[in-house]
């Protein structure tokens, strides 16, 4: 079965950093673009960042551009999200996802069908 297991969330002060990990199994890791989404209470789900499978090109939401960095490690079937200069507005449940029907993210990657993990909570205090 396809499994995406997030870890690394927690409570952090504004201005701090966290590194999220997503361990993938049950599918061929390098066949998929991989992304991170987040959803905060009362807010719409937001596509945060995506990384393509082949050339590792990335696409970031404007809200996190310059602060968050997505990466992937094919040897470990793991995708990461390094989050720096966190603000309370970054508080959300963060989900990783395998984007299907394409290995390249593209500008609208967050609208594609995907297989999801169960999420990890990130809470940023002021």
PDB file of N, CA and C in Angstrom:
ATOM      1  N   UNK A   1       0.827  -1.177   0.000  1.00  0.00           N
ATOM      2  CA  UNK A   1       0.000   0.000   0.000  1.00  0.00           C
ATOM      3  C   UNK A   1       0.874   1.245   0.000  1.00  0.00           C
ATOM      4  N   UNK A   2       0.331   2.301  -0.574  1.00  0.00           N
ATOM      5  CA  UNK A   2       1.030   3.575  -0.585  1.00  0.00           C
ATOM      6  C   UNK A   2       1.000   4.164   0.815  1.00  0.00           C
ATOM      7  N   UNK A   3       2.161   4.556   1.293  1.00  0.00           N
ATOM      8  CA  UNK A   3       2.260   5.194   2.595  1.00  0.00           C
ATOM      9  C   UNK A   3       3.145   6.422   2.504  1.00  0.00           C
ATOM     10  N   UNK A   4       2.676   7.491   3.102  1.00  0.00           N
ATOM     11  CA  UNK A   4       3.434   8.716   3.249  1.00  0.00           C
ATOM     12  C   UNK A   4       3.316   9.126   4.708  1.00  0.00           C
ATOM     13  N   UNK A   5       4.420   9.107   5.408  1.00  0.00           N
ATOM     14  CA  UNK A   5       4.414   9.324   6.851  1.00  0.00           C
ATOM     15  C   UNK A   5       5.228  10.555   7.173  1.00  0.00           C
ATOM     16  N   UNK A   6       4.534  11.598   7.620  1.00  0.00           N
ATOM     17  CA  UNK A   6       5.184  12.855   7.968  1.00  0.00           C
ATOM     18  C   UNK A   6       5.700  12.816   9.401  1.00  0.00           C
ATOM     19  N   UNK A   7       6.756  13.554   9.630  1.00  0.00           N
ATOM     20  CA  UNK A   7       7.282  13.727  10.967  1.00  0.00           C
ATOM     21  C   UNK A   7       8.028  15.053  11.030  1.00  0.00           C
ATOM     22  N   UNK A   8       8.341  15.476  12.231  1.00  0.00           N
ATOM     23  CA  UNK A   8       9.138  16.675  12.423  1.00  0.00           C
ATOM     24  C   UNK A   8       8.375  17.899  12.866  1.00  0.00           C
ATOM     25  N   UNK A   9       7.058  17.811  12.927  1.00  0.00           N
ATOM     26  CA  UNK A   9       6.284  18.937  13.390  1.00  0.00           C
ATOM     27  C   UNK A   9       6.444  19.145  14.884  1.00  0.00           C
ATOM     28  N   UNK A  10       5.939  20.265  15.346  1.00  0.00           N
ATOM     29  CA  UNK A  10       6.018  20.579  16.758  1.00  0.00           C
ATOM     30  C   UNK A  10       5.731  22.030  17.014  1.00  0.00           C
ATOM     31  N   UNK A  11       6.080  22.461  18.206  1.00  0.00           N
ATOM     32  CA  UNK A  11       5.881  23.837  18.645  1.00  0.00           C
ATOM     33  C   UNK A  11       7.193  24.587  18.539  1.00  0.00           C
ATOM     34  N   UNK A  12       7.155  25.735  17.901  1.00  0.00           N
ATOM     35  CA  UNK A  12       8.354  26.534  17.715  1.00  0.00           C
ATOM     36  C   UNK A  12       7.989  28.008  17.852  1.00  0.00           C
ATOM     37  N   UNK A  13       8.919  28.796  18.316  1.00  0.00           N
ATOM     38  CA  UNK A  13       8.700  30.229  18.431  1.00  0.00           C
ATOM     39  C   UNK A  13       8.848  30.909  17.085  1.00  0.00           C
ATOM     40  N   UNK A  14       8.162  32.026  16.936  1.00  0.00           N
ATOM     41  CA  UNK A  14       8.301  32.813  15.721  1.00  0.00           C
ATOM     42  C   UNK A  14       9.766  33.136  15.464  1.00  0.00           C
ATOM     43  N   UNK A  15      10.149  33.022  14.210  1.00  0.00           N
ATOM     44  CA  UNK A  15      11.528  33.225  13.827  1.00  0.00           C
ATOM     45  C   UNK A  15      12.356  31.967  13.823  1.00  0.00           C
ATOM     46  N   UNK A  16      11.828  30.900  14.377  1.00  0.00           N
ATOM     47  CA  UNK A  16      12.547  29.647  14.453  1.00  0.00           C
ATOM     48  C   UNK A  16      12.398  28.808  13.209  1.00  0.00           C
ATOM     49  N   UNK A  17      12.923  27.593  13.293  1.00  0.00           N
ATOM     50  CA  UNK A  17      12.959  26.693  12.152  1.00  0.00           C
ATOM     51  C   UNK A  17      12.500  25.300  12.536  1.00  0.00           C
ATOM     52  N   UNK A  18      11.968  24.599  11.567  1.00  0.00           N
ATOM     53  CA  UNK A  18      11.657  23.187  11.678  1.00  0.00           C
ATOM     54  C   UNK A  18      11.984  22.521  10.353  1.00  0.00           C
ATOM     55  N   UNK A  19      12.304  21.248  10.418  1.00  0.00           N
ATOM     56  CA  UNK A  19      12.497  20.457   9.213  1.00  0.00           C
ATOM     57  C   UNK A  19      11.531  19.284   9.244  1.00  0.00           C
ATOM     58  N   UNK A  20      10.601  19.275   8.312  1.00  0.00           N
ATOM     59  CA  UNK A  20       9.655  18.184   8.193  1.00  0.00           C
ATOM     60  C   UNK A  20      10.213  17.105   7.279  1.00  0.00           C
ATOM     61  N   UNK A  21       9.890  15.867   7.599  1.00  0.00           N
ATOM     62  CA  UNK A  21      10.273  14.737   6.774  1.00  0.00           C
ATOM     63  C   UNK A  21       9.029  13.958   6.371  1.00  0.00           C
ATOM     64  N   UNK A  22       9.092  13.346   5.221  1.00  0.00           N
ATOM     65  CA  UNK A  22       8.018  12.482   4.750  1.00  0.00           C
ATOM     66  C   UNK A  22       8.643  11.229   4.172  1.00  0.00           C
ATOM     67  N   UNK A  23       8.445  10.117   4.846  1.00  0.00           N
ATOM     68  CA  UNK A  23       8.960   8.834   4.397  1.00  0.00           C
ATOM     69  C   UNK A  23       7.931   8.155   3.512  1.00  0.00           C
ATOM     70  N   UNK A  24       8.343   7.796   2.316  1.00  0.00           N
ATOM     71  CA  UNK A  24       7.447   7.221   1.321  1.00  0.00           C
ATOM     72  C   UNK A  24       7.710   5.733   1.158  1.00  0.00           C
ATOM     73  N   UNK A  25       6.646   4.992   0.917  1.00  0.00           N
ATOM     74  CA  UNK A  25       6.767   3.570   0.628  1.00  0.00           C
ATOM     75  C   UNK A  25       5.546   3.118  -0.158  1.00  0.00           C
ATOM     76  N   UNK A  26       5.655   1.961  -0.788  1.00  0.00           N
ATOM     77  CA  UNK A  26       4.536   1.395  -1.509  1.00  0.00           C
ATOM     78  C   UNK A  26       4.394   1.868  -2.946  1.00  0.00           C
ATOM     79  N   UNK A  27       5.329   2.641  -3.418  1.00  0.00           N
ATOM     80  CA  UNK A  27       5.333   3.088  -4.805  1.00  0.00           C
ATOM     81  C   UNK A  27       6.754   3.445  -5.199  1.00  0.00           C
ATOM     82  N   UNK A  28       6.963   3.610  -6.488  1.00  0.00           N
ATOM     83  CA  UNK A  28       8.282   3.966  -6.986  1.00  0.00           C
ATOM     84  C   UNK A  28       8.504   5.452  -6.766  1.00  0.00           C
ATOM     85  N   UNK A  29       9.376   5.755  -5.853  1.00  0.00           N
ATOM     86  CA  UNK A  29       9.574   7.123  -5.393  1.00  0.00           C
ATOM     87  C   UNK A  29       9.853   8.092  -6.535  1.00  0.00           C
ATOM     88  N   UNK A  30      10.716   7.707  -7.435  1.00  0.00           N
ATOM     89  CA  UNK A  30      11.152   8.621  -8.486  1.00  0.00           C
ATOM     90  C   UNK A  30      10.174   8.734  -9.651  1.00  0.00           C
ATOM     91  N   UNK A  31       9.021   8.079  -9.585  1.00  0.00           N
ATOM     92  CA  UNK A  31       7.990   8.225 -10.607  1.00  0.00           C
ATOM     93  C   UNK A  31       7.051   9.394 -10.339  1.00  0.00           C
ATOM     94  N   UNK A  32       7.213  10.073  -9.219  1.00  0.00           N
ATOM     95  CA  UNK A  32       6.240  11.071  -8.811  1.00  0.00           C
ATOM     96  C   UNK A  32       6.883  12.384  -8.410  1.00  0.00           C
ATOM     97  N   UNK A  33       6.228  13.457  -8.815  1.00  0.00           N
ATOM     98  CA  UNK A  33       6.473  14.720  -8.153  1.00  0.00           C
ATOM     99  C   UNK A  33       5.910  14.639  -6.734  1.00  0.00           C
ATOM    100  N   UNK A  34       6.552  15.296  -5.813  1.00  0.00           N
ATOM    101  CA  UNK A  34       6.143  15.269  -4.413  1.00  0.00           C
ATOM    102  C   UNK A  34       5.931  16.686  -3.913  1.00  0.00           C
ATOM    103  N   UNK A  35       4.891  16.854  -3.115  1.00  0.00           N
ATOM    104  CA  UNK A  35       4.556  18.179  -2.635  1.00  0.00           C
ATOM    105  C   UNK A  35       4.220  18.200  -1.165  1.00  0.00           C
ATOM    106  N   UNK A  36       4.202  19.400  -0.638  1.00  0.00           N
ATOM    107  CA  UNK A  36       3.745  19.670   0.713  1.00  0.00           C
ATOM    108  C   UNK A  36       2.559  20.617   0.645  1.00  0.00           C
ATOM    109  N   UNK A  37       1.512  20.280   1.383  1.00  0.00           N
ATOM    110  CA  UNK A  37       0.344  21.123   1.570  1.00  0.00           C
ATOM    111  C   UNK A  37       0.223  21.472   3.043  1.00  0.00           C
ATOM    112  N   UNK A  38      -0.580  22.474   3.320  1.00  0.00           N
ATOM    113  CA  UNK A  38      -0.902  22.775   4.704  1.00  0.00           C
ATOM    114  C   UNK A  38      -2.337  23.272   4.792  1.00  0.00           C
ATOM    115  N   UNK A  39      -2.927  23.075   5.962  1.00  0.00           N
ATOM    116  CA  UNK A  39      -4.265  23.573   6.210  1.00  0.00           C
ATOM    117  C   UNK A  39      -4.367  24.028   7.654  1.00  0.00           C
ATOM    118  N   UNK A  40      -4.741  25.275   7.818  1.00  0.00           N
ATOM    119  CA  UNK A  40      -4.944  25.858   9.127  1.00  0.00           C
ATOM    120  C   UNK A  40      -6.437  25.938   9.409  1.00  0.00           C
ATOM    121  N   UNK A  41      -6.824  25.959  10.689  1.00  0.00           N
ATOM    122  CA  UNK A  41      -8.242  26.086  11.020  1.00  0.00           C
ATOM    123  C   UNK A  41      -8.859  27.327  10.391  1.00  0.00           C
ATOM    124  N   UNK A  42      -9.980  27.142   9.726  1.00  0.00           N
ATOM    125  CA  UNK A  42     -10.675  28.248   9.105  1.00  0.00           C
ATOM    126  C   UNK A  42     -10.097  28.723   7.797  1.00  0.00           C
ATOM    127  N   UNK A  43      -9.087  28.038   7.305  1.00  0.00           N
ATOM    128  CA  UNK A  43      -8.451  28.438   6.063  1.00  0.00           C
ATOM    129  C   UNK A  43      -8.533  27.332   5.031  1.00  0.00           C
ATOM    130  N   UNK A  44      -8.427  27.736   3.796  1.00  0.00           N
ATOM    131  CA  UNK A  44      -8.405  26.790   2.698  1.00  0.00           C
ATOM    132  C   UNK A  44      -7.074  26.052   2.676  1.00  0.00           C
ATOM    133  N   UNK A  45      -7.112  24.817   2.188  1.00  0.00           N
ATOM    134  CA  UNK A  45      -5.873  24.082   2.002  1.00  0.00           C
ATOM    135  C   UNK A  45      -4.981  24.814   1.020  1.00  0.00           C
ATOM    136  N   UNK A  46      -3.717  24.866   1.329  1.00  0.00           N
ATOM    137  CA  UNK A  46      -2.767  25.615   0.531  1.00  0.00           C
ATOM    138  C   UNK A  46      -1.633  24.713   0.067  1.00  0.00           C
ATOM    139  N   UNK A  47      -1.347  24.757  -1.208  1.00  0.00           N
ATOM    140  CA  UNK A  47      -0.160  24.101  -1.717  1.00  0.00           C
ATOM    141  C   UNK A  47       1.060  24.916  -1.351  1.00  0.00           C
ATOM    142  N   UNK A  48       2.006  24.301  -0.680  1.00  0.00           N
ATOM    143  CA  UNK A  48       3.171  25.004  -0.152  1.00  0.00           C
ATOM    144  C   UNK A  48       4.349  24.925  -1.102  1.00  0.00           C
ATOM    145  N   UNK A  49       4.712  23.717  -1.484  1.00  0.00           N
ATOM    146  CA  UNK A  49       5.901  23.531  -2.296  1.00  0.00           C
ATOM    147  C   UNK A  49       5.841  22.181  -2.975  1.00  0.00           C
ATOM    148  N   UNK A  50       6.473  22.101  -4.127  1.00  0.00           N
ATOM    149  CA  UNK A  50       6.495  20.870  -4.907  1.00  0.00           C
ATOM    150  C   UNK A  50       7.882  20.680  -5.489  1.00  0.00           C
ATOM    151  N   UNK A  51       8.289  19.429  -5.608  1.00  0.00           N
ATOM    152  CA  UNK A  51       9.573  19.120  -6.214  1.00  0.00           C
ATOM    153  C   UNK A  51       9.380  18.015  -7.244  1.00  0.00           C
ATOM    154  N   UNK A  52       9.907  18.226  -8.430  1.00  0.00           N
ATOM    155  CA  UNK A  52       9.786  17.259  -9.506  1.00  0.00           C
ATOM    156  C   UNK A  52      10.703  16.074  -9.264  1.00  0.00           C
ATOM    157  N   UNK A  53      10.422  14.990  -9.964  1.00  0.00           N
ATOM    158  CA  UNK A  53      11.134  13.743  -9.700  1.00  0.00           C
ATOM    159  C   UNK A  53      12.478  13.649 -10.389  1.00  0.00           C
ATOM    160  N   UNK A  54      12.602  14.203 -11.579  1.00  0.00           N
ATOM    161  CA  UNK A  54      13.798  13.991 -12.381  1.00  0.00           C
ATOM    162  C   UNK A  54      14.856  15.060 -12.161  1.00  0.00           C
ATOM    163  N   UNK A  55      14.525  16.290 -12.518  1.00  0.00           N
ATOM    164  CA  UNK A  55      15.499  17.366 -12.410  1.00  0.00           C
ATOM    165  C   UNK A  55      15.449  18.088 -11.068  1.00  0.00           C
ATOM    166  N   UNK A  56      14.525  17.692 -10.213  1.00  0.00           N
ATOM    167  CA  UNK A  56      14.368  18.277  -8.883  1.00  0.00           C
ATOM    168  C   UNK A  56      14.068  19.770  -8.918  1.00  0.00           C
ATOM    169  N   UNK A  57      13.443  20.218  -9.994  1.00  0.00           N
ATOM    170  CA  UNK A  57      12.966  21.590 -10.023  1.00  0.00           C
ATOM    171  C   UNK A  57      11.843  21.750  -9.006  1.00  0.00           C
ATOM    172  N   UNK A  58      11.663  22.965  -8.515  1.00  0.00           N
ATOM    173  CA  UNK A  58      10.716  23.203  -7.429  1.00  0.00           C
ATOM    174  C   UNK A  58       9.763  24.330  -7.771  1.00  0.00           C
ATOM    175  N   UNK A  59       8.637  24.334  -7.083  1.00  0.00           N
ATOM    176  CA  UNK A  59       7.647  25.384  -7.199  1.00  0.00           C
ATOM    177  C   UNK A  59       7.150  25.713  -5.801  1.00  0.00           C
ATOM    178  N   UNK A  60       7.205  26.975  -5.430  1.00  0.00           N
ATOM    179  CA  UNK A  60       6.860  27.400  -4.079  1.00  0.00           C
ATOM    180  C   UNK A  60       5.718  28.402  -4.091  1.00  0.00           C
ATOM    181  N   UNK A  61       4.880  28.308  -3.075  1.00  0.00           N
ATOM    182  CA  UNK A  61       3.851  29.314  -2.887  1.00  0.00           C
ATOM    183  C   UNK A  61       4.487  30.647  -2.513  1.00  0.00           C
ATOM    184  N   UNK A  62       3.853  31.732  -2.927  1.00  0.00           N
ATOM    185  CA  UNK A  62       4.387  33.051  -2.609  1.00  0.00           C
ATOM    186  C   UNK A  62       4.506  33.273  -1.102  1.00  0.00           C
ATOM    187  N   UNK A  63       3.614  32.668  -0.340  1.00  0.00           N
ATOM    188  CA  UNK A  63       3.603  32.872   1.094  1.00  0.00           C
ATOM    189  C   UNK A  63       4.826  32.296   1.801  1.00  0.00           C
ATOM    190  N   UNK A  64       5.513  31.367   1.159  1.00  0.00           N
ATOM    191  CA  UNK A  64       6.664  30.735   1.797  1.00  0.00           C
ATOM    192  C   UNK A  64       7.948  30.909   1.003  1.00  0.00           C
ATOM    193  N   UNK A  65       7.859  31.497  -0.142  1.00  0.00           N
ATOM    194  CA  UNK A  65       9.024  31.635  -1.008  1.00  0.00           C
ATOM    195  C   UNK A  65      10.139  32.388  -0.293  1.00  0.00           C
ATOM    196  N   UNK A  66      11.317  31.812  -0.352  1.00  0.00           N
ATOM    197  CA  UNK A  66      12.458  32.395   0.327  1.00  0.00           C
ATOM    198  C   UNK A  66      12.629  31.958   1.759  1.00  0.00           C
ATOM    199  N   UNK A  67      11.624  31.300   2.321  1.00  0.00           N
ATOM    200  CA  UNK A  67      11.695  30.827   3.700  1.00  0.00           C
ATOM    201  C   UNK A  67      11.687  29.308   3.809  1.00  0.00           C
ATOM    202  N   UNK A  68      10.961  28.654   2.920  1.00  0.00           N
ATOM    203  CA  UNK A  68      10.846  27.197   2.939  1.00  0.00           C
ATOM    204  C   UNK A  68      11.601  26.605   1.763  1.00  0.00           C
ATOM    205  N   UNK A  69      12.204  25.452   1.983  1.00  0.00           N
ATOM    206  CA  UNK A  69      12.944  24.768   0.936  1.00  0.00           C
ATOM    207  C   UNK A  69      12.563  23.296   0.922  1.00  0.00           C
ATOM    208  N   UNK A  70      12.089  22.831  -0.214  1.00  0.00           N
ATOM    209  CA  UNK A  70      11.749  21.421  -0.370  1.00  0.00           C
ATOM    210  C   UNK A  70      12.926  20.692  -1.002  1.00  0.00           C
ATOM    211  N   UNK A  71      13.123  19.450  -0.601  1.00  0.00           N
ATOM    212  CA  UNK A  71      14.160  18.622  -1.185  1.00  0.00           C
ATOM    213  C   UNK A  71      13.727  17.170  -1.120  1.00  0.00           C
ATOM    214  N   UNK A  72      14.414  16.329  -1.868  1.00  0.00           N
ATOM    215  CA  UNK A  72      14.097  14.906  -1.841  1.00  0.00           C
ATOM    216  C   UNK A  72      15.376  14.094  -1.898  1.00  0.00           C
ATOM    217  N   UNK A  73      15.342  12.946  -1.254  1.00  0.00           N
ATOM    218  CA  UNK A  73      16.468  12.044  -1.180  1.00  0.00           C
ATOM    219  C   UNK A  73      16.012  10.701  -1.722  1.00  0.00           C
ATOM    220  N   UNK A  74      16.411  10.403  -2.947  1.00  0.00           N
ATOM    221  CA  UNK A  74      15.971   9.175  -3.591  1.00  0.00           C
ATOM    222  C   UNK A  74      16.532   7.933  -2.904  1.00  0.00           C
ATOM    223  N   UNK A  75      17.702   8.052  -2.307  1.00  0.00           N
ATOM    224  CA  UNK A  75      18.303   6.917  -1.626  1.00  0.00           C
ATOM    225  C   UNK A  75      17.515   6.511  -0.395  1.00  0.00           C
ATOM    226  N   UNK A  76      16.775   7.438   0.177  1.00  0.00           N
ATOM    227  CA  UNK A  76      16.005   7.164   1.383  1.00  0.00           C
ATOM    228  C   UNK A  76      14.506   7.243   1.165  1.00  0.00           C
ATOM    229  N   UNK A  77      14.066   7.488  -0.073  1.00  0.00           N
ATOM    230  CA  UNK A  77      12.641   7.636  -0.386  1.00  0.00           C
ATOM    231  C   UNK A  77      11.973   8.628   0.571  1.00  0.00           C
ATOM    232  N   UNK A  78      12.608   9.758   0.726  1.00  0.00           N
ATOM    233  CA  UNK A  78      12.145  10.749   1.692  1.00  0.00           C
ATOM    234  C   UNK A  78      12.151  12.135   1.062  1.00  0.00           C
ATOM    235  N   UNK A  79      11.107  12.896   1.353  1.00  0.00           N
ATOM    236  CA  UNK A  79      11.036  14.290   0.948  1.00  0.00           C
ATOM    237  C   UNK A  79      11.034  15.145   2.205  1.00  0.00           C
ATOM    238  N   UNK A  80      11.694  16.285   2.129  1.00  0.00           N
ATOM    239  CA  UNK A  80      11.852  17.165   3.274  1.00  0.00           C
ATOM    240  C   UNK A  80      11.267  18.541   2.981  1.00  0.00           C
ATOM    241  N   UNK A  81      10.923  19.224   4.041  1.00  0.00           N
ATOM    242  CA  UNK A  81      10.562  20.630   3.950  1.00  0.00           C
ATOM    243  C   UNK A  81      11.282  21.372   5.065  1.00  0.00           C
ATOM    244  N   UNK A  82      12.297  22.112   4.692  1.00  0.00           N
ATOM    245  CA  UNK A  82      13.005  22.958   5.639  1.00  0.00           C
ATOM    246  C   UNK A  82      12.265  24.277   5.749  1.00  0.00           C
ATOM    247  N   UNK A  83      11.844  24.621   6.950  1.00  0.00           N
ATOM    248  CA  UNK A  83      11.050  25.812   7.196  1.00  0.00           C
ATOM    249  C   UNK A  83      11.841  26.748   8.099  1.00  0.00           C
ATOM    250  N   UNK A  84      12.146  27.916   7.580  1.00  0.00           N
ATOM    251  CA  UNK A  84      12.912  28.912   8.313  1.00  0.00           C
ATOM    252  C   UNK A  84      12.086  30.177   8.482  1.00  0.00           C
ATOM    253  N   UNK A  85      12.475  30.968   9.467  1.00  0.00           N
ATOM    254  CA  UNK A  85      11.806  32.240   9.753  1.00  0.00           C
ATOM    255  C   UNK A  85      10.299  32.059   9.849  1.00  0.00           C
ATOM    256  N   UNK A  86       9.912  31.101  10.659  1.00  0.00           N
ATOM    257  CA  UNK A  86       8.501  30.777  10.820  1.00  0.00           C
ATOM    258  C   UNK A  86       7.746  31.910  11.499  1.00  0.00           C
ATOM    259  N   UNK A  87       6.493  32.048  11.120  1.00  0.00           N
ATOM    260  CA  UNK A  87       5.594  33.031  11.709  1.00  0.00           C
ATOM    261  C   UNK A  87       4.344  32.318  12.194  1.00  0.00           C
ATOM    262  N   UNK A  88       3.561  32.959  13.062  1.00  0.00           N
ATOM    263  CA  UNK A  88       2.314  32.327  13.498  1.00  0.00           C
ATOM    264  C   UNK A  88       1.377  31.967  12.347  1.00  0.00           C
ATOM    265  N   UNK A  89       1.465  32.679  11.240  1.00  0.00           N
ATOM    266  CA  UNK A  89       0.631  32.375  10.084  1.00  0.00           C
ATOM    267  C   UNK A  89       1.010  31.060   9.417  1.00  0.00           C
ATOM    268  N   UNK A  90       2.147  30.507   9.778  1.00  0.00           N
ATOM    269  CA  UNK A  90       2.550  29.203   9.265  1.00  0.00           C
ATOM    270  C   UNK A  90       1.946  28.051  10.061  1.00  0.00           C
ATOM    271  N   UNK A  91       1.269  28.358  11.149  1.00  0.00           N
ATOM    272  CA  UNK A  91       0.646  27.318  11.955  1.00  0.00           C
ATOM    273  C   UNK A  91      -0.401  26.572  11.135  1.00  0.00           C
ATOM    274  N   UNK A  92      -0.261  25.264  11.054  1.00  0.00           N
ATOM    275  CA  UNK A  92      -1.154  24.443  10.249  1.00  0.00           C
ATOM    276  C   UNK A  92      -0.764  22.987  10.421  1.00  0.00           C
ATOM    277  N   UNK A  93      -1.622  22.123   9.917  1.00  0.00           N
ATOM    278  CA  UNK A  93      -1.241  20.738   9.714  1.00  0.00           C
ATOM    279  C   UNK A  93      -0.603  20.636   8.341  1.00  0.00           C
ATOM    280  N   UNK A  94       0.565  20.062   8.291  1.00  0.00           N
ATOM    281  CA  UNK A  94       1.311  19.931   7.051  1.00  0.00           C
ATOM    282  C   UNK A  94       1.235  18.505   6.543  1.00  0.00           C
ATOM    283  N   UNK A  95       0.900  18.374   5.278  1.00  0.00           N
ATOM    284  CA  UNK A  95       0.735  17.087   4.634  1.00  0.00           C
ATOM    285  C   UNK A  95       1.701  16.960   3.468  1.00  0.00           C
ATOM    286  N   UNK A  96       2.302  15.797   3.319  1.00  0.00           N
ATOM    287  CA  UNK A  96       3.026  15.537   2.088  1.00  0.00           C
ATOM    288  C   UNK A  96       2.147  14.717   1.160  1.00  0.00           C
ATOM    289  N   UNK A  97       2.433  14.798  -0.119  1.00  0.00           N
ATOM    290  CA  UNK A  97       1.608  14.142  -1.109  1.00  0.00           C
ATOM    291  C   UNK A  97       2.432  13.741  -2.314  1.00  0.00           C
ATOM    292  N   UNK A  98       2.092  12.601  -2.873  1.00  0.00           N
ATOM    293  CA  UNK A  98       2.634  12.170  -4.153  1.00  0.00           C
ATOM    294  C   UNK A  98       1.676  12.618  -5.237  1.00  0.00           C
ATOM    295  N   UNK A  99       2.156  13.450  -6.137  1.00  0.00           N
ATOM    296  CA  UNK A  99       1.334  14.007  -7.195  1.00  0.00           C
ATOM    297  C   UNK A  99       1.301  13.021  -8.345  1.00  0.00           C
ATOM    298  N   UNK A 100       0.109  12.592  -8.732  1.00  0.00           N
ATOM    299  CA  UNK A 100      -0.004  11.576  -9.770  1.00  0.00           C
ATOM    300  C   UNK A 100      -0.178  12.210 -11.143  1.00  0.00           C
ATOM    301  N   UNK A 101       0.014  11.403 -12.161  1.00  0.00           N
ATOM    302  CA  UNK A 101      -0.111  11.795 -13.553  1.00  0.00           C
ATOM    303  C   UNK A 101       0.879  12.873 -13.940  1.00  0.00           C
ATOM    304  N   UNK A 102       2.116  12.677 -13.539  1.00  0.00           N
ATOM    305  CA  UNK A 102       3.170  13.580 -13.945  1.00  0.00           C
ATOM    306  C   UNK A 102       4.324  13.569 -12.978  1.00  0.00           C
ATOM    307  N   UNK A 103       5.503  13.684 -13.518  1.00  0.00           N
ATOM    308  CA  UNK A 103       6.708  13.726 -12.705  1.00  0.00           C
ATOM    309  C   UNK A 103       7.238  15.141 -12.540  1.00  0.00           C
ATOM    310  N   UNK A 104       6.632  16.095 -13.224  1.00  0.00           N
ATOM    311  CA  UNK A 104       7.010  17.494 -13.137  1.00  0.00           C
ATOM    312  C   UNK A 104       5.891  18.255 -12.442  1.00  0.00           C
ATOM    313  N   UNK A 105       6.252  19.158 -11.559  1.00  0.00           N
ATOM    314  CA  UNK A 105       5.250  19.856 -10.766  1.00  0.00           C
ATOM    315  C   UNK A 105       4.342  20.732 -11.620  1.00  0.00           C
ATOM    316  N   UNK A 106       4.933  21.653 -12.361  1.00  0.00           N
ATOM    317  CA  UNK A 106       4.149  22.613 -13.110  1.00  0.00           C
ATOM    318  C   UNK A 106       3.569  23.688 -12.206  1.00  0.00           C
ATOM    319  N   UNK A 107       2.987  24.708 -12.831  1.00  0.00           N
ATOM    320  CA  UNK A 107       2.479  25.851 -12.082  1.00  0.00           C
ATOM    321  C   UNK A 107       1.221  25.549 -11.284  1.00  0.00           C
ATOM    322  N   UNK A 108       0.481  24.535 -11.677  1.00  0.00           N
ATOM    323  CA  UNK A 108      -0.771  24.190 -11.007  1.00  0.00           C
ATOM    324  C   UNK A 108      -0.715  22.807 -10.374  1.00  0.00           C
ATOM    325  N   UNK A 109       0.425  22.441  -9.860  1.00  0.00           N
ATOM    326  CA  UNK A 109       0.622  21.109  -9.297  1.00  0.00           C
ATOM    327  C   UNK A 109      -0.358  20.801  -8.175  1.00  0.00           C
ATOM    328  N   UNK A 110      -0.744  21.821  -7.420  1.00  0.00           N
ATOM    329  CA  UNK A 110      -1.585  21.628  -6.250  1.00  0.00           C
ATOM    330  C   UNK A 110      -3.025  21.299  -6.594  1.00  0.00           C
ATOM    331  N   UNK A 111      -3.390  21.401  -7.867  1.00  0.00           N
ATOM    332  CA  UNK A 111      -4.733  21.036  -8.300  1.00  0.00           C
ATOM    333  C   UNK A 111      -4.829  19.583  -8.745  1.00  0.00           C
ATOM    334  N   UNK A 112      -3.730  18.894  -8.835  1.00  0.00           N
ATOM    335  CA  UNK A 112      -3.737  17.521  -9.324  1.00  0.00           C
ATOM    336  C   UNK A 112      -4.170  16.541  -8.239  1.00  0.00           C
ATOM    337  N   UNK A 113      -4.611  15.383  -8.699  1.00  0.00           N
ATOM    338  CA  UNK A 113      -4.884  14.303  -7.765  1.00  0.00           C
ATOM    339  C   UNK A 113      -3.591  13.870  -7.091  1.00  0.00           C
ATOM    340  N   UNK A 114      -3.715  13.397  -5.872  1.00  0.00           N
ATOM    341  CA  UNK A 114      -2.538  13.045  -5.103  1.00  0.00           C
ATOM    342  C   UNK A 114      -2.877  11.998  -4.055  1.00  0.00           C
ATOM    343  N   UNK A 115      -1.857  11.305  -3.613  1.00  0.00           N
ATOM    344  CA  UNK A 115      -1.949  10.431  -2.462  1.00  0.00           C
ATOM    345  C   UNK A 115      -1.337  11.157  -1.277  1.00  0.00           C
ATOM    346  N   UNK A 116      -2.046  11.115  -0.169  1.00  0.00           N
ATOM    347  CA  UNK A 116      -1.741  11.955   0.982  1.00  0.00           C
ATOM    348  C   UNK A 116      -1.237  11.189   2.181  1.00  0.00           C
ATOM    349  N   UNK A 117      -0.399  11.845   2.944  1.00  0.00           N
ATOM    350  CA  UNK A 117      -0.101  11.382   4.282  1.00  0.00           C
ATOM    351  C   UNK A 117      -1.147  11.882   5.261  1.00  0.00           C
ATOM    352  N   UNK A 118      -0.936  11.587   6.523  1.00  0.00           N
ATOM    353  CA  UNK A 118      -1.894  11.970   7.551  1.00  0.00           C
ATOM    354  C   UNK A 118      -1.565  13.283   8.241  1.00  0.00           C
ATOM    355  N   UNK A 119      -0.434  13.838   7.951  1.00  0.00           N
ATOM    356  CA  UNK A 119      -0.123  15.170   8.410  1.00  0.00           C
ATOM    357  C   UNK A 119       0.675  15.216   9.694  1.00  0.00           C
ATOM    358  N   UNK A 120       1.328  16.350   9.894  1.00  0.00           N
ATOM    359  CA  UNK A 120       2.042  16.635  11.127  1.00  0.00           C
ATOM    360  C   UNK A 120       1.764  18.081  11.513  1.00  0.00           C
ATOM    361  N   UNK A 121       1.501  18.303  12.786  1.00  0.00           N
ATOM    362  CA  UNK A 121       1.099  19.620  13.262  1.00  0.00           C
ATOM    363  C   UNK A 121       2.314  20.507  13.458  1.00  0.00           C
ATOM    364  N   UNK A 122       2.235  21.708  12.917  1.00  0.00           N
ATOM    365  CA  UNK A 122       3.228  22.743  13.149  1.00  0.00           C
ATOM    366  C   UNK A 122       2.528  23.909  13.829  1.00  0.00           C
ATOM    367  N   UNK A 123       3.018  24.291  14.984  1.00  0.00           N
ATOM    368  CA  UNK A 123       2.454  25.410  15.725  1.00  0.00           C
ATOM    369  C   UNK A 123       3.558  26.419  16.001  1.00  0.00           C
ATOM    370  N   UNK A 124       3.331  27.639  15.567  1.00  0.00           N
ATOM    371  CA  UNK A 124       4.311  28.706  15.729  1.00  0.00           C
ATOM    372  C   UNK A 124       3.740  29.724  16.696  1.00  0.00           C
ATOM    373  N   UNK A 125       4.401  29.919  17.799  1.00  0.00           N
ATOM    374  CA  UNK A 125       3.945  30.853  18.814  1.00  0.00           C
ATOM    375  C   UNK A 125       4.557  32.223  18.577  1.00  0.00           C
ATOM    376  N   UNK A 126       3.833  33.247  19.015  1.00  0.00           N
ATOM    377  CA  UNK A 126       4.310  34.616  18.861  1.00  0.00           C
ATOM    378  C   UNK A 126       5.062  35.092  20.084  1.00  0.00           C
TER     379      UNK A 126
END
